[in-house]
Amino acid sequence: MKPKFLFLVFLLWMPFIHMANAQSTDEILTEFFNRYQKSPNDGLDYGFSTNTWIGETNQAGIANVKLQIKNAVSIIGDYYGYEKYAELMIGNSLKQVKYIVKYDRQPLRFIFVFYKSSDDWKLLNFNFDDKITEDFK
């Protein structure tokens, strides 16, 4: 084949290659929990790595979340898994996903907020607490 033809084919396929590499929020969350199961810090590092703005500007906040989870986990026992229980889309570029994260003594509620400014989803905000019953209201 001629080089010009190959270059044209590459240019035409480039948008599809990017879309194939873009992760959905489900893929991000699956990877988050795969890593979290082995090490909560690894899961958090991965989640925050999807948004370079958080990593560059809020290292103290990330360290604080890691410490809070470490302290909570030391009290509530062994990890038993997670269950998604709520998902809310606002338009096409903002999504909130809530999980029950199961531990021996009690569950934690993880709330992820994702933002998609162009093609890629990134973690915009992450919170956790033990106030799962608030969602019953």
Protein backbone atom coordinates (compact mmCIF):
# COMPACT_ATOMS: atom_id res chain seq x y z
CA MET A 1 0.00 0.00 0.00
CA LYS A 2 1.04 3.53 -0.54
CA PRO A 3 2.10 5.60 2.47
CA LYS A 4 -0.53 8.28 1.75
CA PHE A 5 -3.29 5.67 1.86
CA LEU A 6 -2.05 4.26 5.19
CA PHE A 7 -1.86 7.75 6.65
CA LEU A 8 -5.43 8.45 5.53
CA VAL A 9 -6.67 5.19 7.06
CA PHE A 10 -4.89 6.06 10.32
CA LEU A 11 -6.49 9.53 10.41
CA LEU A 12 -9.94 8.08 9.81
CA TRP A 13 -9.53 5.47 12.58
CA MET A 14 -7.94 7.78 15.17
CA PRO A 15 -11.23 8.90 16.79
CA PHE A 16 -12.32 5.26 17.18
CA ILE A 17 -8.98 4.30 18.72
CA HIS A 18 -9.40 7.06 21.32
CA MET A 19 -12.96 5.96 22.08
CA ALA A 20 -11.79 2.38 22.55
CA ASN A 21 -9.25 3.55 25.13
CA ALA A 22 -11.68 5.83 26.97
CA GLN A 23 -12.96 4.21 30.12
CA SER A 24 -16.55 4.14 31.23
CA THR A 25 -17.41 4.90 34.84
CA ASP A 26 -18.23 1.20 35.31
CA GLU A 27 -14.72 0.23 34.16
CA ILE A 28 -13.16 2.83 36.45
CA LEU A 29 -15.21 1.61 39.42
CA THR A 30 -14.48 -2.05 38.74
CA GLU A 31 -10.77 -1.30 38.67
CA PHE A 32 -11.12 0.88 41.79
CA PHE A 33 -12.72 -1.94 43.77
CA ASN A 34 -10.29 -4.58 42.43
CA ARG A 35 -7.46 -2.47 43.80
CA TYR A 36 -9.34 -1.40 46.93
CA GLN A 37 -9.87 -5.04 47.92
CA LYS A 38 -6.09 -5.56 47.99
CA SER A 39 -5.25 -2.15 49.45
CA PRO A 40 -7.65 0.74 50.08
CA ASN A 41 -4.82 3.20 49.35
CA ASP A 42 -4.20 1.62 45.94
CA GLY A 43 -7.89 1.89 45.08
CA LEU A 44 -8.00 5.53 46.13
CA ASP A 45 -4.78 6.34 44.26
CA TYR A 46 -6.25 4.80 41.12
CA GLY A 47 -9.56 6.64 41.46
CA PHE A 48 -7.90 10.00 42.00
CA SER A 49 -5.47 9.32 39.13
CA THR A 50 -8.37 9.61 36.68
CA ASN A 51 -8.37 13.36 37.37
CA THR A 52 -4.95 15.01 37.23
CA TRP A 53 -6.40 18.21 38.73
CA ILE A 54 -7.16 16.44 42.01
CA GLY A 55 -3.76 14.78 42.17
CA GLU A 56 -1.88 17.99 41.46
CA THR A 57 -3.79 20.33 43.74
CA ASN A 58 -5.15 18.31 46.63
CA GLN A 59 -2.51 15.94 47.99
CA ALA A 60 -3.41 16.91 51.58
CA GLY A 61 -7.06 16.09 50.93
CA ILE A 62 -6.17 12.71 49.42
CA ALA A 63 -3.94 11.89 52.40
CA ASN A 64 -6.78 12.86 54.74
CA VAL A 65 -9.27 10.56 52.98
CA LYS A 66 -6.77 7.70 53.12
CA LEU A 67 -6.24 8.22 56.85
CA GLN A 68 -9.99 8.40 57.53
CA ILE A 69 -10.62 5.14 55.65
CA LYS A 70 -7.71 3.46 57.40
CA ASN A 71 -9.11 4.49 60.79
CA ALA A 72 -12.65 3.42 59.91
CA VAL A 73 -11.58 0.05 58.55
CA SER A 74 -9.51 -0.69 61.65
CA ILE A 75 -12.73 -0.41 63.70
CA ILE A 76 -15.33 -2.06 61.46
CA GLY A 77 -13.51 -5.28 60.61
CA ASP A 78 -12.96 -7.38 57.55
CA TYR A 79 -13.92 -6.32 54.02
CA TYR A 80 -16.61 -8.43 52.33
CA GLY A 81 -17.27 -6.69 49.02
CA TYR A 82 -19.44 -3.98 47.54
CA GLU A 83 -22.84 -3.41 45.96
CA LYS A 84 -23.97 -0.57 43.72
CA TYR A 85 -27.33 0.74 44.89
CA ALA A 86 -27.87 4.08 43.17
CA GLU A 87 -26.85 5.91 40.02
CA LEU A 88 -27.91 9.35 38.89
CA MET A 89 -27.06 11.04 35.59
CA ILE A 90 -27.32 14.78 35.16
CA GLY A 91 -27.17 15.47 31.46
CA ASN A 92 -24.52 13.52 29.59
CA SER A 93 -21.50 14.67 31.55
CA LEU A 94 -22.18 14.35 35.27
CA LYS A 95 -22.83 11.08 37.11
CA GLN A 96 -23.18 10.13 40.77
CA VAL A 97 -22.80 6.49 41.80
CA LYS A 98 -23.40 5.15 45.32
CA TYR A 99 -22.13 1.89 46.76
CA ILE A 100 -22.52 -0.06 49.94
CA VAL A 101 -19.06 -1.27 50.90
CA LYS A 102 -19.54 -4.28 53.15
CA TYR A 103 -17.48 -4.78 56.29
CA ASP A 104 -17.91 -7.18 59.18
CA ARG A 105 -19.52 -4.79 61.71
CA GLN A 106 -21.27 -2.37 59.40
CA PRO A 107 -21.29 -1.07 55.84
CA LEU A 108 -19.82 2.17 54.57
CA ARG A 109 -21.41 4.34 51.90
CA PHE A 110 -19.11 5.37 49.05
CA ILE A 111 -20.30 8.21 46.82
CA PHE A 112 -18.47 8.83 43.55
CA VAL A 113 -19.15 11.83 41.34
CA PHE A 114 -17.76 11.67 37.81
CA TYR A 115 -17.43 14.41 35.23
CA LYS A 116 -16.92 14.09 31.49
CA SER A 117 -15.67 17.34 29.98
CA SER A 118 -14.76 15.88 26.60
CA ASP A 119 -14.33 12.16 25.95
CA ASP A 120 -12.97 10.86 29.25
CA TRP A 121 -14.72 10.32 32.55
CA LYS A 122 -12.80 11.49 35.58
CA LEU A 123 -13.46 11.36 39.28
CA LEU A 124 -14.70 14.77 40.35
CA ASN A 125 -15.52 14.00 43.97
CA PHE A 126 -15.37 11.07 46.38
CA ASN A 127 -16.99 10.82 49.80
CA PHE A 128 -17.58 8.03 52.24
CA ASP A 129 -19.49 7.73 55.49
CA ASP A 130 -21.60 5.33 57.52
CA LYS A 131 -24.90 7.16 56.94
CA ILE A 132 -26.45 4.69 54.53
CA THR A 133 -29.88 4.98 56.13
CA GLU A 134 -30.06 8.61 54.99
CA ASP A 135 -30.74 7.28 51.50
CA PHE A 136 -33.92 5.59 52.80
CA LYS A 137 -35.58 8.97 53.26
